[in-house]
N, C-alpha and C. Protein backbone atom coordinates (compact mmCIF):
# COMPACT_ATOMS: atom_id res chain seq x y z
N MET A 1 4.70 4.00 -20.55
CA MET A 1 5.77 3.07 -20.83
C MET A 1 5.44 2.31 -22.11
N LYS A 2 6.46 2.08 -22.94
CA LYS A 2 6.31 1.20 -24.09
C LYS A 2 6.35 -0.23 -23.59
N LEU A 3 5.52 -1.07 -24.16
CA LEU A 3 5.49 -2.49 -23.84
C LEU A 3 6.02 -3.26 -25.04
N TYR A 4 7.14 -3.94 -24.88
CA TYR A 4 7.70 -4.74 -25.95
C TYR A 4 7.17 -6.16 -25.81
N ILE A 5 6.76 -6.74 -26.94
CA ILE A 5 6.16 -8.07 -26.94
C ILE A 5 7.17 -9.05 -27.54
N PHE A 6 7.33 -10.19 -26.85
CA PHE A 6 8.26 -11.22 -27.27
C PHE A 6 7.55 -12.56 -27.35
N LYS A 7 8.10 -13.44 -28.19
CA LYS A 7 7.61 -14.81 -28.34
C LYS A 7 8.75 -15.75 -27.99
N SER A 8 8.45 -16.77 -27.19
CA SER A 8 9.43 -17.79 -26.86
C SER A 8 9.57 -18.73 -28.04
N GLU A 9 10.80 -19.05 -28.41
CA GLU A 9 11.04 -20.00 -29.49
C GLU A 9 11.01 -21.44 -28.99
N THR A 10 11.08 -21.65 -27.67
CA THR A 10 11.03 -23.01 -27.11
C THR A 10 9.63 -23.42 -26.70
N ARG A 11 8.79 -22.46 -26.33
CA ARG A 11 7.39 -22.70 -25.97
C ARG A 11 6.53 -21.86 -26.90
N THR A 12 6.02 -22.44 -27.95
CA THR A 12 5.35 -21.68 -29.00
C THR A 12 4.08 -20.97 -28.53
N ASP A 13 3.52 -21.38 -27.39
CA ASP A 13 2.33 -20.72 -26.87
C ASP A 13 2.64 -19.60 -25.89
N LEU A 14 3.92 -19.35 -25.60
CA LEU A 14 4.31 -18.41 -24.56
C LEU A 14 4.75 -17.07 -25.16
N ARG A 15 4.21 -16.00 -24.58
CA ARG A 15 4.56 -14.63 -24.97
C ARG A 15 4.94 -13.88 -23.71
N ALA A 16 5.56 -12.71 -23.90
CA ALA A 16 5.97 -11.91 -22.75
C ALA A 16 5.91 -10.43 -23.11
N PHE A 17 5.63 -9.63 -22.10
CA PHE A 17 5.77 -8.19 -22.18
C PHE A 17 7.01 -7.81 -21.38
N CYS A 18 7.74 -6.81 -21.87
CA CYS A 18 8.92 -6.32 -21.18
C CYS A 18 9.01 -4.82 -21.44
N ASP A 19 9.72 -4.10 -20.59
CA ASP A 19 9.82 -2.65 -20.76
C ASP A 19 11.07 -2.22 -21.50
N GLU A 20 11.84 -3.17 -22.02
CA GLU A 20 13.02 -2.81 -22.80
C GLU A 20 13.12 -3.72 -24.03
N SER A 21 13.69 -3.18 -25.10
CA SER A 21 13.62 -3.84 -26.40
C SER A 21 14.54 -5.04 -26.58
N SER A 22 15.51 -5.24 -25.71
CA SER A 22 16.43 -6.36 -25.89
C SER A 22 15.89 -7.68 -25.33
N GLY A 23 14.96 -7.61 -24.39
CA GLY A 23 14.43 -8.81 -23.76
C GLY A 23 15.38 -9.44 -22.76
N ALA A 24 16.38 -8.69 -22.32
CA ALA A 24 17.39 -9.23 -21.40
C ALA A 24 16.81 -9.67 -20.06
N LYS A 25 15.69 -9.11 -19.67
CA LYS A 25 15.09 -9.45 -18.37
C LYS A 25 14.20 -10.70 -18.43
N LEU A 26 13.97 -11.22 -19.62
CA LEU A 26 13.07 -12.36 -19.77
C LEU A 26 13.70 -13.65 -19.25
N PRO A 27 12.88 -14.61 -18.80
CA PRO A 27 13.40 -15.84 -18.19
C PRO A 27 14.27 -16.65 -19.15
N ASP A 28 15.43 -17.07 -18.67
CA ASP A 28 16.37 -17.85 -19.48
C ASP A 28 15.78 -19.20 -19.92
N ARG A 29 14.97 -19.80 -19.08
CA ARG A 29 14.50 -21.16 -19.38
C ARG A 29 13.60 -21.22 -20.61
N PHE A 30 13.09 -20.09 -21.08
CA PHE A 30 12.25 -20.08 -22.27
C PHE A 30 12.94 -19.44 -23.47
N ARG A 31 14.26 -19.22 -23.38
CA ARG A 31 15.03 -18.63 -24.48
C ARG A 31 15.19 -19.64 -25.60
N PRO A 32 15.38 -19.16 -26.79
CA PRO A 32 15.52 -17.76 -27.17
C PRO A 32 14.17 -17.07 -27.30
N TRP A 33 14.19 -15.77 -27.09
CA TRP A 33 13.03 -14.92 -27.24
C TRP A 33 13.18 -14.10 -28.53
N ARG A 34 12.07 -13.91 -29.22
CA ARG A 34 12.08 -13.11 -30.44
C ARG A 34 11.10 -11.95 -30.28
N ALA A 35 11.56 -10.74 -30.55
CA ALA A 35 10.69 -9.57 -30.47
C ALA A 35 9.66 -9.64 -31.60
N ILE A 36 8.39 -9.42 -31.25
CA ILE A 36 7.33 -9.50 -32.27
C ILE A 36 6.46 -8.25 -32.32
N GLY A 37 6.69 -7.30 -31.41
CA GLY A 37 5.86 -6.10 -31.47
C GLY A 37 6.14 -5.15 -30.32
N VAL A 38 5.48 -4.01 -30.41
CA VAL A 38 5.59 -2.99 -29.36
C VAL A 38 4.24 -2.30 -29.23
N VAL A 39 3.87 -1.97 -28.00
CA VAL A 39 2.64 -1.25 -27.72
C VAL A 39 3.03 0.12 -27.17
N ARG A 40 2.68 1.16 -27.89
CA ARG A 40 3.01 2.52 -27.45
C ARG A 40 2.19 2.87 -26.20
N PRO A 41 2.65 3.86 -25.45
CA PRO A 41 1.95 4.24 -24.21
C PRO A 41 0.50 4.68 -24.43
N ASP A 42 0.17 5.17 -25.62
CA ASP A 42 -1.19 5.64 -25.90
C ASP A 42 -2.08 4.58 -26.55
N ARG A 43 -1.60 3.34 -26.61
CA ARG A 43 -2.35 2.24 -27.22
C ARG A 43 -2.68 1.16 -26.20
N ALA A 44 -3.73 0.42 -26.47
CA ALA A 44 -4.13 -0.69 -25.59
C ALA A 44 -3.33 -1.95 -25.94
N PRO A 45 -2.98 -2.74 -24.94
CA PRO A 45 -2.30 -4.02 -25.21
C PRO A 45 -3.25 -4.97 -25.94
N PRO A 46 -2.70 -6.00 -26.57
CA PRO A 46 -3.54 -6.96 -27.29
C PRO A 46 -4.42 -7.77 -26.34
N HIS A 47 -5.46 -8.34 -26.90
CA HIS A 47 -6.36 -9.27 -26.19
C HIS A 47 -7.03 -8.65 -24.97
N ASN A 48 -7.18 -7.35 -24.95
CA ASN A 48 -7.83 -6.64 -23.84
C ASN A 48 -7.13 -6.86 -22.50
N PHE A 49 -5.83 -7.15 -22.54
CA PHE A 49 -5.08 -7.27 -21.29
C PHE A 49 -5.04 -5.91 -20.60
N PRO A 50 -5.22 -5.86 -19.30
CA PRO A 50 -5.18 -4.58 -18.59
C PRO A 50 -3.74 -4.05 -18.47
N ARG A 51 -3.51 -2.88 -19.00
CA ARG A 51 -2.18 -2.28 -18.99
C ARG A 51 -1.64 -2.16 -17.56
N ALA A 52 -2.48 -1.80 -16.61
CA ALA A 52 -2.01 -1.64 -15.23
C ALA A 52 -1.45 -2.95 -14.68
N ALA A 53 -2.08 -4.06 -14.97
CA ALA A 53 -1.60 -5.36 -14.49
C ALA A 53 -0.27 -5.73 -15.17
N ILE A 54 -0.15 -5.43 -16.45
CA ILE A 54 1.10 -5.71 -17.17
C ILE A 54 2.23 -4.88 -16.57
N GLU A 55 1.98 -3.60 -16.39
CA GLU A 55 3.01 -2.71 -15.84
C GLU A 55 3.38 -3.11 -14.41
N GLN A 56 2.43 -3.58 -13.63
CA GLN A 56 2.74 -4.04 -12.27
C GLN A 56 3.61 -5.29 -12.32
N GLY A 57 3.29 -6.21 -13.23
CA GLY A 57 4.10 -7.41 -13.39
C GLY A 57 5.53 -7.07 -13.79
N ILE A 58 5.67 -6.11 -14.68
CA ILE A 58 7.01 -5.67 -15.10
C ILE A 58 7.74 -5.02 -13.92
N ALA A 59 7.04 -4.21 -13.15
CA ALA A 59 7.66 -3.57 -11.98
C ALA A 59 8.10 -4.61 -10.96
N ASP A 60 7.31 -5.66 -10.76
CA ASP A 60 7.61 -6.69 -9.77
C ASP A 60 8.69 -7.68 -10.23
N ASN A 61 8.63 -8.06 -11.52
CA ASN A 61 9.46 -9.17 -12.02
C ASN A 61 10.40 -8.80 -13.16
N GLY A 62 10.19 -7.65 -13.78
CA GLY A 62 10.97 -7.28 -14.96
C GLY A 62 10.30 -7.69 -16.25
N PHE A 63 9.21 -8.45 -16.16
CA PHE A 63 8.48 -8.94 -17.33
C PHE A 63 7.10 -9.41 -16.89
N GLN A 64 6.23 -9.66 -17.87
CA GLN A 64 4.93 -10.27 -17.62
C GLN A 64 4.71 -11.33 -18.68
N LEU A 65 4.53 -12.57 -18.29
CA LEU A 65 4.31 -13.67 -19.22
C LEU A 65 2.82 -13.86 -19.49
N TRP A 66 2.50 -14.40 -20.67
CA TRP A 66 1.13 -14.82 -20.99
C TRP A 66 1.19 -15.92 -22.04
N ARG A 67 0.14 -16.77 -22.02
CA ARG A 67 0.06 -17.88 -22.97
C ARG A 67 -1.12 -17.70 -23.89
N LEU A 68 -0.94 -18.17 -25.11
CA LEU A 68 -2.03 -18.19 -26.07
C LEU A 68 -2.96 -19.35 -25.72
N LYS A 69 -4.24 -19.15 -25.92
CA LYS A 69 -5.19 -20.24 -25.72
C LYS A 69 -5.05 -21.24 -26.85
N LYS A 70 -5.21 -22.50 -26.51
CA LYS A 70 -5.20 -23.54 -27.55
C LYS A 70 -6.50 -23.45 -28.31
N SER A 71 -6.39 -23.57 -29.63
CA SER A 71 -7.62 -23.47 -30.45
C SER A 71 -8.29 -24.79 -30.63
């Protein structure tokens, strides 16, 4: 599965993975969402996130959220 990466414009530390390029399944309360990348099926997700956990989150919820660490 391709993993599409989105950034919330209302919560600058919030990102999401989704299995479709429009982001229609992403939570409304953090809209607007902006697409920032895609992870092909043969590539590893960023930050050493486990692909199986991301795909399970997408299967369960339609998306998988994650936050950037504060520096």
